[in-house]
């Protein structure tokens, strides 16, 4: 049996996933009993190819590396070119749509509409885009349920680190009273470098030179990226409908070396913390810089690493540490969702 997949978007994450499927294909088939076969790739900039029996992934990766587009992908009988994302969703024979397009996090588009169309066409969706989960979780979950399909989004919080699946599966039976985490690697890197003596601006420039921060770092340094992730945690893990604007948000750009020195004098360390706390039947969520004690497990998380702590009534505090971004790591998060869809697991 083959589980057929269509990729919407073929940038860093899409290519990372394709490489994993290409190199691990035999092992995956042995472990899950099905082949994962990529039948379509549709990218607004790089072009589009579809073959109902599956694409030669090594060829797709080769032509992208050599030319930057799929235009040179070899012609074979049955190959279709030029389908946009919606035609790919509607007319391909894919069982699952992997939604990894460039998406506006303020509107969640085009990913939200891709989800709607896929669910209406009885197709599963797997994604690493935060926008749809944080902005339209209730609507899209209901639409997926109504059409008997699955929606996977493990990679939206901590990339390949299982920040969603662990509490939903391994911590089942616990009441989680609080979630707090370092959910943005860029700001954690900047704060680590400020402790080493750099100014905020110099630390930011270094983060940009290393590719941790975008040319416009606003989403990271003002806390908006972590705000989206806190919204996802509140909705998914704590089961409370919450909109992004309900999450109080403050960034780190105002912190100075004086603030760093004050925290050191108190045996504390500044971190940008995303937090969801249960207050009776409500959940209060916020993002902002906190000077946390060095004894806190999150205080030892340095550089671009991410971490999250779940305060559980039975298991106690459980802290998960791992990368929050990366080509292979995010590709792996997509793969795990695909495997669990095939296995019919959470």
Protein backbone atom coordinates (compact mmCIF):
# COMPACT_ATOMS: atom_id res chain seq x y z
CA UNK A 1 0.00 0.00 0.00
CA UNK A 2 1.06 3.57 -0.64
CA UNK A 3 0.02 6.70 1.21
CA UNK A 4 0.05 9.43 -1.42
CA UNK A 5 1.16 12.94 -0.50
CA UNK A 6 1.01 16.32 -2.26
CA UNK A 7 3.39 19.07 -1.16
CA UNK A 8 2.14 22.64 -1.31
CA UNK A 9 5.40 24.53 -1.11
CA UNK A 10 8.88 23.24 -1.87
CA UNK A 11 11.14 25.50 0.13
CA UNK A 12 13.47 24.55 2.96
CA UNK A 13 10.93 22.42 4.87
CA UNK A 14 9.47 20.74 1.79
CA UNK A 15 12.89 19.78 0.51
CA UNK A 16 13.88 18.59 3.98
CA UNK A 17 10.83 16.31 4.11
CA UNK A 18 11.50 15.03 0.57
CA UNK A 19 15.08 14.19 1.53
CA UNK A 20 13.91 12.25 4.59
CA UNK A 21 11.36 10.26 2.57
CA UNK A 22 13.96 9.57 -0.13
CA UNK A 23 16.69 8.40 2.26
CA UNK A 24 14.50 6.64 4.83
CA UNK A 25 11.91 5.20 2.47
CA UNK A 26 12.72 1.50 2.95
CA UNK A 27 12.98 1.82 6.72
CA UNK A 28 9.69 3.71 6.90
CA UNK A 29 7.96 1.08 4.78
CA UNK A 30 9.20 -1.69 7.09
CA UNK A 31 8.10 0.16 10.22
CA UNK A 32 4.67 1.42 9.16
CA UNK A 33 3.67 -1.07 6.48
CA UNK A 34 2.98 1.59 3.85
CA UNK A 35 5.13 3.52 1.42
CA UNK A 36 4.91 7.31 1.62
CA UNK A 37 4.80 8.42 -1.99
CA UNK A 38 5.00 12.06 -3.09
CA UNK A 39 2.71 12.40 -6.11
CA UNK A 40 2.60 16.19 -6.44
CA UNK A 41 4.63 19.30 -5.71
CA UNK A 42 3.10 22.73 -6.23
CA UNK A 43 5.11 25.85 -5.45
CA UNK A 44 4.10 29.31 -6.60
CA UNK A 45 7.71 30.27 -7.37
CA UNK A 46 9.36 26.94 -8.25
CA UNK A 47 6.65 25.40 -10.41
CA UNK A 48 4.41 22.36 -10.23
CA UNK A 49 4.56 18.69 -11.19
CA UNK A 50 2.11 15.85 -10.63
CA UNK A 51 2.16 12.16 -11.46
CA UNK A 52 -0.53 9.87 -10.03
CA UNK A 53 1.95 7.00 -9.62
CA UNK A 54 4.50 9.11 -7.79
CA UNK A 55 7.34 11.50 -8.58
CA UNK A 56 11.04 10.66 -8.71
CA UNK A 57 12.04 12.62 -5.63
CA UNK A 58 15.77 12.41 -6.35
CA UNK A 59 15.09 14.12 -9.68
CA UNK A 60 12.94 16.82 -8.11
CA UNK A 61 15.64 17.58 -5.54
CA UNK A 62 18.34 17.57 -8.23
CA UNK A 63 16.64 20.02 -10.56
CA UNK A 64 15.72 22.34 -7.68
CA UNK A 65 19.34 22.36 -6.52
CA UNK A 66 20.69 22.93 -10.01
CA UNK A 67 18.12 25.35 -11.44
CA UNK A 68 15.93 26.60 -8.58
CA UNK A 69 12.74 25.45 -10.33
CA UNK A 70 10.89 22.26 -11.30
CA UNK A 71 10.76 23.26 -14.98
CA UNK A 72 13.56 20.82 -15.84
CA UNK A 73 11.94 17.86 -14.11
CA UNK A 74 11.99 15.09 -16.77
CA UNK A 75 8.89 14.50 -18.84
CA UNK A 76 7.34 11.06 -18.41
CA UNK A 77 4.02 9.61 -19.63
CA UNK A 78 1.22 10.82 -17.37
CA UNK A 79 3.16 13.77 -15.92
CA UNK A 80 1.16 16.99 -15.45
CA UNK A 81 2.68 20.44 -15.03
CA UNK A 82 1.48 23.86 -13.98
CA UNK A 83 -1.28 22.98 -11.50
CA UNK A 84 -1.78 25.61 -8.84
CA UNK A 85 -2.29 24.67 -5.20
CA UNK A 86 -6.07 24.45 -5.37
CA UNK A 87 -6.11 22.32 -8.51
CA UNK A 88 -3.52 20.08 -6.85
CA UNK A 89 -5.80 19.68 -3.84
CA UNK A 90 -8.92 19.05 -5.90
CA UNK A 91 -7.64 16.89 -8.75
CA UNK A 92 -4.59 15.00 -7.50
CA UNK A 93 -4.99 11.53 -6.00
CA UNK A 94 -3.17 12.53 -2.81
CA UNK A 95 -4.46 11.13 0.47
CA UNK A 96 -2.76 13.90 2.45
CA UNK A 97 -1.92 17.50 1.61
CA UNK A 98 1.29 18.78 3.20
CA UNK A 99 0.73 22.52 3.59
CA UNK A 100 4.11 24.29 3.83
CA UNK A 101 3.53 27.42 1.76
CA UNK A 102 4.70 30.87 2.73
CA UNK A 103 1.76 32.03 4.84
CA UNK A 104 0.88 35.42 6.30
CA UNK A 105 0.74 34.80 10.05
CA UNK A 106 -1.60 37.78 10.49
CA UNK A 107 -4.28 36.30 8.23
CA UNK A 108 -3.29 32.63 8.08
CA UNK A 109 -3.62 32.74 4.30
CA UNK A 110 -3.35 31.00 1.93
CA UNK A 111 -2.96 28.06 4.33
CA UNK A 112 -6.41 28.41 5.93
CA UNK A 113 -8.11 28.23 2.53
CA UNK A 114 -5.90 25.29 1.55
CA UNK A 115 -7.10 23.45 4.66
CA UNK A 116 -10.73 24.23 3.95
CA UNK A 117 -10.44 22.97 0.37
CA UNK A 118 -8.55 19.83 1.37
CA UNK A 119 -11.03 18.89 4.09
CA UNK A 120 -13.98 19.45 1.75
CA UNK A 121 -12.24 17.10 -0.71
CA UNK A 122 -11.87 14.43 2.03
CA UNK A 123 -8.10 14.82 2.27
CA UNK A 124 -5.95 14.96 5.39
CA UNK A 125 -3.70 17.97 6.02
CA UNK A 126 -0.31 18.14 7.71
CA UNK A 127 1.40 21.47 8.26
CA UNK A 128 4.04 23.43 10.13
CA UNK A 129 2.32 26.79 9.54
CA UNK A 130 1.25 28.44 12.81
CA UNK A 131 -1.35 30.76 11.31
CA UNK A 132 -4.23 28.32 10.64
CA UNK A 133 -3.89 26.58 14.02
CA UNK A 134 -3.71 29.79 16.05
CA UNK A 135 -6.31 31.74 14.05
CA UNK A 136 -8.87 29.16 12.90
CA UNK A 137 -8.45 26.05 15.06
CA UNK A 138 -12.11 25.61 16.04
CA UNK A 139 -13.47 26.04 12.52
CA UNK A 140 -10.89 23.84 10.82
CA UNK A 141 -11.06 21.08 13.44
CA UNK A 142 -14.82 20.90 13.02
CA UNK A 143 -14.51 20.83 9.23
CA UNK A 144 -11.95 18.01 9.38
CA UNK A 145 -14.20 16.01 11.74
CA UNK A 146 -17.25 16.53 9.52
CA UNK A 147 -15.35 15.12 6.54
CA UNK A 148 -13.73 12.23 8.41
CA UNK A 149 -10.15 13.35 7.82
CA UNK A 150 -7.15 14.19 10.00
CA UNK A 151 -5.24 17.41 10.65
CA UNK A 152 -1.64 17.25 11.86
CA UNK A 153 0.34 20.25 13.11
CA UNK A 154 3.02 18.98 15.49
CA UNK A 155 5.65 21.25 13.95
CA UNK A 156 3.83 24.49 14.76
CA UNK A 157 5.20 24.89 18.30
CA UNK A 158 8.68 23.34 18.58
CA UNK A 159 9.37 21.93 15.12
CA UNK A 160 10.38 18.24 15.44
CA UNK A 161 10.38 18.34 19.25
CA UNK A 162 7.01 16.78 20.28
CA UNK A 163 5.64 19.70 22.29
CA UNK A 164 2.05 18.81 21.38
CA UNK A 165 2.08 15.03 21.05
CA UNK A 166 3.88 14.44 24.36
CA UNK A 167 1.21 16.09 26.56
CA UNK A 168 -1.64 14.67 24.47
CA UNK A 169 -0.30 11.10 24.48
CA UNK A 170 2.38 10.47 27.10
CA UNK A 171 0.88 12.75 29.77
CA UNK A 172 -2.72 11.64 29.31
CA UNK A 173 -4.48 11.41 32.68
CA UNK A 174 -2.65 14.40 34.15
CA UNK A 175 -4.28 17.72 34.73
CA UNK A 176 -1.85 20.29 33.37
CA UNK A 177 -2.21 23.44 35.44
CA UNK A 178 0.46 25.48 33.71
CA UNK A 179 2.56 25.42 30.56
CA UNK A 180 5.54 27.71 30.26
CA UNK A 181 8.25 27.68 27.67
CA UNK A 182 11.00 29.26 25.64
CA UNK A 183 9.35 28.99 22.25
CA UNK A 184 11.45 31.33 20.13
CA UNK A 185 15.07 30.47 19.41
CA UNK A 186 15.97 33.92 18.06
CA UNK A 187 15.17 35.75 21.27
CA UNK A 188 16.81 33.05 23.37
CA UNK A 189 19.99 33.41 21.32
CA UNK A 190 19.94 37.20 21.71
CA UNK A 191 19.47 37.00 25.48
CA UNK A 192 22.26 34.42 25.76
CA UNK A 193 24.63 36.71 23.86
CA UNK A 194 23.62 39.71 25.97
CA UNK A 195 24.72 37.72 29.01
CA UNK A 196 28.07 37.31 27.26
CA UNK A 197 28.35 41.11 27.16
CA UNK A 198 26.89 42.09 23.78
CA UNK A 199 24.37 44.92 23.49
CA UNK A 200 20.87 44.05 22.32
CA UNK A 201 21.58 45.50 18.86
CA UNK A 202 24.89 43.66 18.46
CA UNK A 203 23.31 40.39 19.60
CA UNK A 204 20.48 40.88 17.12
CA UNK A 205 22.93 41.59 14.29
CA UNK A 206 24.81 38.40 15.13
CA UNK A 207 21.55 36.42 15.15
CA UNK A 208 20.72 37.83 11.72
CA UNK A 209 24.17 36.99 10.33
CA UNK A 210 23.73 33.38 11.48
CA UNK A 211 20.25 33.10 9.98
CA UNK A 212 18.43 32.84 13.32
CA UNK A 213 16.72 36.21 12.81
CA UNK A 214 15.04 37.61 9.71
CA UNK A 215 16.04 40.94 8.16
CA UNK A 216 12.84 42.22 9.81
CA UNK A 217 12.98 40.57 13.24
CA UNK A 218 9.77 42.11 14.56
CA UNK A 219 7.79 38.89 14.89
CA UNK A 220 10.51 37.32 17.01
CA UNK A 221 11.78 40.17 19.19
CA UNK A 222 8.33 41.64 19.90
CA UNK A 223 7.04 38.24 21.01
CA UNK A 224 4.48 37.70 18.27
CA UNK A 225 5.89 34.31 17.18
CA UNK A 226 5.68 33.04 20.77
CA UNK A 227 2.22 34.59 21.11
CA UNK A 228 0.93 32.42 18.25
CA UNK A 229 2.45 29.35 19.87
CA UNK A 230 0.91 30.16 23.27
CA UNK A 231 -2.46 30.39 21.52
CA UNK A 232 -1.92 26.94 20.00
CA UNK A 233 -0.97 25.44 23.38
CA UNK A 234 -4.06 26.92 25.05
CA UNK A 235 -6.34 25.52 22.34
CA UNK A 236 -4.74 22.12 21.83
CA UNK A 237 -3.24 21.08 25.16
CA UNK A 238 -5.53 22.90 27.59
CA UNK A 239 -8.62 22.60 25.43
CA UNK A 240 -9.70 26.22 25.89
CA UNK A 241 -10.78 28.27 22.84
CA UNK A 242 -8.48 31.27 22.70
CA UNK A 243 -7.66 33.90 20.12
CA UNK A 244 -4.23 35.38 19.60
CA UNK A 245 -5.31 38.85 20.71
CA UNK A 246 -6.31 37.42 24.09
CA UNK A 247 -2.66 36.56 24.79
CA UNK A 248 -0.87 39.47 26.47
CA UNK A 249 2.39 40.09 24.62
CA UNK A 250 5.64 41.95 25.32
CA UNK A 251 9.01 41.58 23.57
CA UNK A 252 12.65 41.89 24.59
CA UNK A 253 13.88 44.90 22.61
CA UNK A 254 13.80 47.20 25.67
CA UNK A 255 16.17 45.04 27.75
CA UNK A 256 19.60 46.54 28.44
CA UNK A 257 22.90 45.48 29.95
CA UNK A 258 21.71 47.04 33.21
CA UNK A 259 18.77 44.60 33.21
CA UNK A 260 21.14 41.70 32.51
CA UNK A 261 23.42 42.78 35.39
CA UNK A 262 20.48 43.11 37.78
CA UNK A 263 19.29 39.58 36.97
CA UNK A 264 22.80 38.18 37.49
CA UNK A 265 23.00 39.88 40.89
CA UNK A 266 19.81 38.04 41.88
CA UNK A 267 20.98 34.66 40.52
CA UNK A 268 18.43 34.95 37.73
CA UNK A 269 18.46 34.93 33.94
CA UNK A 270 16.21 36.71 31.45
CA UNK A 271 14.11 34.55 29.14
CA UNK A 272 11.21 35.33 26.84
CA UNK A 273 8.57 33.11 28.44
CA UNK A 274 5.27 32.01 26.88
CA UNK A 275 2.90 30.91 29.62
CA UNK A 276 -0.59 29.41 29.85
CA UNK A 277 -2.00 29.14 33.38
CA UNK A 278 -5.32 27.65 34.50
CA UNK A 279 -7.37 29.89 36.76
CA UNK A 280 -10.49 27.88 37.61
CA UNK A 281 -12.26 27.24 34.32
CA UNK A 282 -10.24 29.91 32.52
CA UNK A 283 -6.77 29.94 31.01
CA UNK A 284 -4.65 33.07 31.23
CA UNK A 285 -1.97 33.25 28.55
CA UNK A 286 0.84 35.74 28.14
CA UNK A 287 4.24 36.22 26.55
CA UNK A 288 6.96 38.43 27.98
CA UNK A 289 10.49 38.63 29.38
CA UNK A 290 10.95 37.14 32.84
CA UNK A 291 14.00 36.98 35.07
CA UNK A 292 13.77 33.36 36.22
CA UNK A 293 15.87 31.68 38.94
CA UNK A 294 18.92 29.75 37.77
CA UNK A 295 17.39 26.70 39.46
CA UNK A 296 14.53 26.70 36.93
CA UNK A 297 15.21 24.09 34.18
CA UNK A 298 14.37 26.73 31.56
CA UNK A 299 17.21 28.94 32.81
CA UNK A 300 19.77 26.42 31.55
CA UNK A 301 18.45 26.49 27.99
CA UNK A 302 20.92 28.60 26.03
CA UNK A 303 21.47 29.71 22.46
CA UNK A 304 18.77 29.01 19.88
CA UNK A 305 17.32 26.00 21.74
CA UNK A 306 13.65 25.84 22.75
CA UNK A 307 12.13 24.25 25.86
CA UNK A 308 8.75 23.79 27.50
CA UNK A 309 7.63 22.76 30.99
CA UNK A 310 4.27 21.12 31.76
CA UNK A 311 3.17 21.29 35.39
CA UNK A 312 1.21 18.06 35.92
CA UNK A 313 -0.78 17.02 38.98
CA UNK A 314 0.41 13.39 38.80
CA UNK A 315 3.78 13.44 37.05
CA UNK A 316 4.97 16.76 38.46
CA UNK A 317 6.84 19.26 36.28
CA UNK A 318 8.05 17.73 33.00
CA UNK A 319 10.47 19.74 30.86
CA UNK A 320 11.10 19.02 27.19
CA UNK A 321 14.14 20.58 25.47
CA UNK A 322 14.97 20.54 21.76
CA UNK A 323 15.37 22.55 18.57
CA UNK A 324 12.47 24.78 17.60
CA UNK A 325 13.35 25.14 13.93
CA UNK A 326 15.48 23.67 11.17
CA UNK A 327 15.20 22.04 7.75
CA UNK A 328 15.47 18.42 8.89
CA UNK A 329 13.81 18.97 12.28
CA UNK A 330 10.67 20.53 10.78
CA UNK A 331 10.63 17.97 7.98
CA UNK A 332 10.68 15.31 10.70
CA UNK A 333 7.67 16.92 12.43
CA UNK A 334 5.71 16.57 9.17
CA UNK A 335 6.85 12.96 8.83
CA UNK A 336 5.68 12.08 12.36
CA UNK A 337 2.22 13.48 11.61
CA UNK A 338 2.10 11.47 8.37
CA UNK A 339 3.11 8.27 10.18
CA UNK A 340 0.44 8.78 12.84
CA UNK A 341 -2.22 9.41 10.18
CA UNK A 342 -1.23 6.15 8.46
CA UNK A 343 -1.28 4.32 11.80
CA UNK A 344 -4.55 6.03 12.77
CA UNK A 345 -2.97 7.32 15.98
CA UNK A 346 -3.02 10.78 17.58
